[in-house]
Amino acid sequence: MRPNPHHPFRLLALALFSVLVFAACRPMDTLDITPSPTLTPEPTATPSPTPPPADFVDPYEVNSSLMERLIALLPDPLPAVEEWKRVTDSGAAEVRNIRGIRRPAIGRAIPYTTQQGSSMLLNFIIFADEAAAAAEFERKRGLRSADVDLEEDAAFRRPNAFGSGLYGSFALFQIDNYFVEVYVEIFTTSVSPLELLASETIKFFERNREAFEAAASGPEEEDG
């Protein structure tokens, strides 16, 4: 066979072509785009809460003192058709918190029973002002109206609402910044004791209001 004089040149050209193709396919060097470190700002000092003035009086504590005195003065027994006595638990008269009452308001429920098996709750809530007590009266009247027919009784101070039904008997009152409810859960007598219990409760409240409100004046004025 006759040698091809152009063979070495073809090999060289093929080698150069391969180098060019390899270079073209090689990925470009990535640019250095490392972000600069973010400087963390120096923490600022949190300002301390402003302390209350030296003569500050917590309204919740005032209402708590009022409630304690009010409950301590409650009659036991309370006569109304039957003789109603305070319920005792572990040797002490029972007092229950009323749920959903936010500070500075405070609410307590005091249970009473009779030997014949009747039971009721006297519910007292003390609010910071009359408007809050009025709002609670309207709220509770709306809730009770879903269970019983409520009507105002002209024989009692207004606003009031009375009603009886399958879910108990209720007497609701707003007295300034106080909400008062007489809730007869069960009665065993032939006649409902609701009106008499409400009457005795309001008489107690009005007769002793000055005494239990003295708790808000502080020991100096109270003793003087």
Protein backbone atom coordinates (compact mmCIF):
# COMPACT_ATOMS: atom_id res chain seq x y z
CA MET A 1 0.00 0.00 0.00
CA ARG A 2 1.18 3.47 -0.81
CA PRO A 3 1.72 5.65 2.33
CA ASN A 4 -0.52 8.72 2.73
CA PRO A 5 1.69 11.80 3.18
CA HIS A 6 -1.19 13.80 4.73
CA HIS A 7 -1.88 11.29 7.52
CA PRO A 8 0.19 13.05 10.30
CA PHE A 9 -1.48 16.36 9.52
CA ARG A 10 -4.92 14.83 9.81
CA LEU A 11 -4.03 13.42 13.22
CA LEU A 12 -2.75 16.82 14.36
CA ALA A 13 -5.88 18.58 13.08
CA LEU A 14 -8.06 16.02 14.83
CA ALA A 15 -6.16 16.53 18.11
CA LEU A 16 -6.54 20.34 17.88
CA PHE A 17 -10.24 19.99 17.15
CA SER A 18 -10.68 17.73 20.20
CA VAL A 19 -8.89 20.27 22.42
CA LEU A 20 -11.17 23.06 21.17
CA VAL A 21 -14.33 21.00 21.74
CA PHE A 22 -13.20 20.09 25.28
CA ALA A 23 -12.47 23.70 26.11
CA ALA A 24 -15.84 24.79 24.79
CA CYS A 25 -17.69 22.21 26.89
CA ARG A 26 -15.78 22.93 30.09
CA PRO A 27 -17.97 24.83 32.55
CA MET A 28 -16.99 28.36 33.25
CA ASP A 29 -15.40 29.06 36.57
CA THR A 30 -18.07 30.21 39.02
CA LEU A 31 -17.76 33.75 40.18
CA ASP A 32 -17.04 34.38 43.81
CA ILE A 33 -20.41 35.73 45.01
CA THR A 34 -20.04 34.90 48.71
CA PRO A 35 -22.22 37.51 50.47
CA SER A 36 -20.62 39.84 52.92
CA PRO A 37 -21.34 38.93 56.50
CA THR A 38 -24.40 40.77 57.94
CA LEU A 39 -23.53 42.83 60.94
CA THR A 40 -25.74 41.99 63.93
CA PRO A 41 -26.98 45.17 65.56
CA GLU A 42 -26.07 45.60 69.16
CA PRO A 43 -29.00 44.76 71.45
CA THR A 44 -30.72 47.73 72.97
CA ALA A 45 -31.57 47.74 76.62
CA THR A 46 -35.26 47.05 77.37
CA PRO A 47 -36.61 49.94 79.41
CA SER A 48 -37.74 48.93 82.86
CA PRO A 49 -41.48 49.25 83.50
CA THR A 50 -42.44 52.40 85.28
CA PRO A 51 -43.11 51.50 88.90
CA PRO A 52 -46.54 52.49 90.21
CA PRO A 53 -46.66 55.53 92.46
CA ALA A 54 -46.24 54.95 96.16
CA ASP A 55 -49.92 55.70 96.83
CA PHE A 56 -51.21 53.37 94.07
CA VAL A 57 -54.18 51.23 95.11
CA ASP A 58 -54.93 48.12 93.06
CA PRO A 59 -58.68 48.21 92.25
CA TYR A 60 -58.81 44.42 92.20
CA GLU A 61 -57.47 44.28 95.75
CA VAL A 62 -60.09 46.80 96.80
CA ASN A 63 -62.87 44.73 95.24
CA SER A 64 -61.43 41.59 96.80
CA SER A 65 -61.57 43.18 100.25
CA LEU A 66 -65.15 44.27 99.63
CA MET A 67 -66.14 40.77 98.57
CA GLU A 68 -64.53 39.13 101.58
CA ARG A 69 -66.37 41.46 103.95
CA LEU A 70 -69.67 41.03 102.09
CA ILE A 71 -69.45 37.23 102.30
CA ALA A 72 -68.46 37.35 105.97
CA LEU A 73 -71.63 39.32 106.74
CA LEU A 74 -74.02 36.98 104.88
CA PRO A 75 -76.78 35.61 107.12
CA ASP A 76 -76.62 31.96 108.08
CA PRO A 77 -79.29 30.69 108.24
CA LEU A 78 -81.36 32.76 105.84
CA PRO A 79 -85.13 32.30 106.42
CA ALA A 80 -87.35 32.25 103.32
CA VAL A 81 -90.19 29.67 103.33
CA GLU A 82 -87.50 27.19 104.47
CA GLU A 83 -84.39 27.73 106.56
CA TRP A 84 -81.47 28.10 104.17
CA LYS A 85 -77.99 27.36 105.53
CA ARG A 86 -74.53 27.88 104.08
CA VAL A 87 -72.90 24.80 102.57
CA THR A 88 -69.72 23.75 104.38
CA ASP A 89 -66.73 22.00 102.86
CA SER A 90 -63.99 20.58 105.12
CA GLY A 91 -65.42 22.53 108.04
CA ALA A 92 -65.48 25.91 106.27
CA ALA A 93 -68.34 27.65 104.47
CA GLU A 94 -68.03 27.05 100.73
CA VAL A 95 -67.34 29.90 98.31
CA ARG A 96 -67.02 29.35 94.55
CA ASN A 97 -65.38 31.54 91.94
CA ILE A 98 -67.59 32.78 89.11
CA ARG A 99 -65.79 32.01 85.86
CA GLY A 100 -65.25 34.48 83.08
CA ILE A 101 -64.94 37.53 85.34
CA ARG A 102 -61.87 39.60 84.49
CA ARG A 103 -59.94 41.85 86.80
CA PRO A 104 -60.48 44.27 88.41
CA ALA A 105 -63.98 42.77 88.72
CA ILE A 106 -64.43 39.87 91.12
CA GLY A 107 -67.27 37.35 91.33
CA ARG A 108 -68.23 34.78 93.95
CA ALA A 109 -71.05 32.23 94.24
CA ILE A 110 -72.20 31.20 97.70
CA PRO A 111 -74.26 27.99 97.93
CA TYR A 112 -77.14 27.47 100.37
CA THR A 113 -79.24 24.35 101.06
CA THR A 114 -82.16 23.30 103.25
CA GLN A 115 -82.80 20.11 105.21
CA GLN A 116 -85.61 19.30 102.78
CA GLY A 117 -83.17 19.23 99.83
CA SER A 118 -83.64 22.66 98.26
CA SER A 119 -80.52 24.40 96.91
CA MET A 120 -79.59 27.84 95.62
CA LEU A 121 -76.65 30.10 94.82
CA LEU A 122 -76.23 33.72 95.79
CA ASN A 123 -74.03 35.24 93.10
CA PHE A 124 -72.26 38.55 93.65
CA ILE A 125 -70.00 40.38 91.20
CA ILE A 126 -68.27 43.67 92.01
CA PHE A 127 -67.20 45.74 88.99
CA ALA A 128 -65.01 48.80 88.69
CA ASP A 129 -67.91 50.97 87.53
CA GLU A 130 -71.64 51.06 86.97
CA ALA A 131 -71.37 50.66 83.18
CA ALA A 132 -69.61 47.30 83.53
CA ALA A 133 -72.25 46.06 85.98
CA ALA A 134 -75.02 47.17 83.61
CA ALA A 135 -73.35 45.28 80.75
CA GLU A 136 -73.20 42.13 82.89
CA PHE A 137 -76.88 42.51 83.81
CA GLU A 138 -77.85 42.68 80.13
CA ARG A 139 -75.55 39.78 79.22
CA LYS A 140 -76.91 37.55 81.98
CA ARG A 141 -80.50 38.52 81.24
CA GLY A 142 -79.94 37.45 77.64
CA LEU A 143 -78.49 34.10 78.75
CA ARG A 144 -81.26 33.37 81.24
CA SER A 145 -83.93 34.37 78.73
CA ALA A 146 -82.94 31.35 76.65
CA ASP A 147 -84.08 29.08 79.50
CA VAL A 148 -86.92 30.97 81.22
CA ASP A 149 -89.27 33.88 80.60
CA LEU A 150 -87.94 36.89 82.49
CA GLU A 151 -90.03 39.84 83.63
CA GLU A 152 -89.39 42.91 85.72
CA ASP A 153 -90.95 42.88 89.18
CA ALA A 154 -92.23 46.33 90.16
CA ALA A 155 -91.99 45.42 93.85
CA PHE A 156 -88.16 45.44 93.65
CA ARG A 157 -85.56 48.05 92.83
CA ARG A 158 -84.76 48.40 89.14
CA PRO A 159 -83.22 47.11 87.02
CA ASN A 160 -84.30 43.60 87.89
CA ALA A 161 -85.47 40.46 86.10
CA PHE A 162 -87.37 37.47 87.53
CA GLY A 163 -88.14 34.14 85.92
CA SER A 164 -88.76 30.47 86.63
CA GLY A 165 -88.64 27.37 84.44
CA LEU A 166 -87.29 23.86 84.03
CA TYR A 167 -83.72 25.05 84.59
CA GLY A 168 -84.35 26.86 87.87
CA SER A 169 -85.58 30.18 89.15
CA PHE A 170 -83.65 33.44 88.76
CA ALA A 171 -83.72 36.95 90.17
CA LEU A 172 -81.20 39.38 88.65
CA PHE A 173 -80.29 42.84 89.95
CA GLN A 174 -77.89 45.63 89.07
CA ILE A 175 -77.11 47.93 91.99
CA ASP A 176 -74.64 50.64 90.95
CA ASN A 177 -71.38 48.74 90.26
CA TYR A 178 -72.72 45.45 91.69
CA PHE A 179 -74.44 42.55 89.96
CA VAL A 180 -76.52 40.29 92.20
CA GLU A 181 -78.25 37.06 91.22
CA VAL A 182 -80.41 34.72 93.29
CA TYR A 183 -80.39 31.36 91.53
CA VAL A 184 -82.71 28.74 93.02
CA GLU A 185 -81.59 25.44 91.52
CA ILE A 186 -84.14 23.19 93.29
CA PHE A 187 -86.93 23.87 95.74
CA THR A 188 -88.95 21.20 97.52
CA THR A 189 -91.80 23.36 98.78
CA SER A 190 -95.13 23.82 97.01
CA VAL A 191 -94.50 27.56 96.70
CA SER A 192 -91.40 29.00 95.00
CA PRO A 193 -89.14 30.76 97.53
CA LEU A 194 -87.60 33.01 94.83
CA GLU A 195 -89.33 36.27 95.75
CA LEU A 196 -88.70 35.86 99.46
CA LEU A 197 -85.06 34.89 98.88
CA ALA A 198 -84.57 37.87 96.56
CA SER A 199 -86.21 40.17 99.11
CA GLU A 200 -84.02 38.92 101.94
CA THR A 201 -80.89 39.19 99.77
CA ILE A 202 -81.57 42.79 98.75
CA LYS A 203 -82.45 43.75 102.33
CA PHE A 204 -79.17 42.22 103.48
CA PHE A 205 -77.25 44.08 100.79
CA GLU A 206 -78.75 47.48 101.55
CA ARG A 207 -78.56 47.02 105.31
CA ASN A 208 -74.88 46.00 105.28
CA ARG A 209 -73.52 47.92 102.30
CA GLU A 210 -71.92 50.64 104.37
CA ALA A 211 -70.26 48.02 106.59
CA PHE A 212 -68.67 45.96 103.82
CA GLU A 213 -67.74 48.99 101.71
CA ALA A 214 -65.72 50.29 104.66
CA ALA A 215 -63.14 47.66 103.64
CA ALA A 216 -62.20 49.89 100.70
CA SER A 217 -61.30 52.80 102.97
CA GLY A 218 -58.30 51.17 104.61
CA PRO A 219 -57.75 50.24 108.24
CA GLU A 220 -57.04 53.82 109.40
CA GLU A 221 -60.37 55.22 108.32
CA GLU A 222 -62.18 52.01 109.14
CA ASP A 223 -61.01 52.01 112.74
CA GLY A 224 -61.57 55.71 113.15
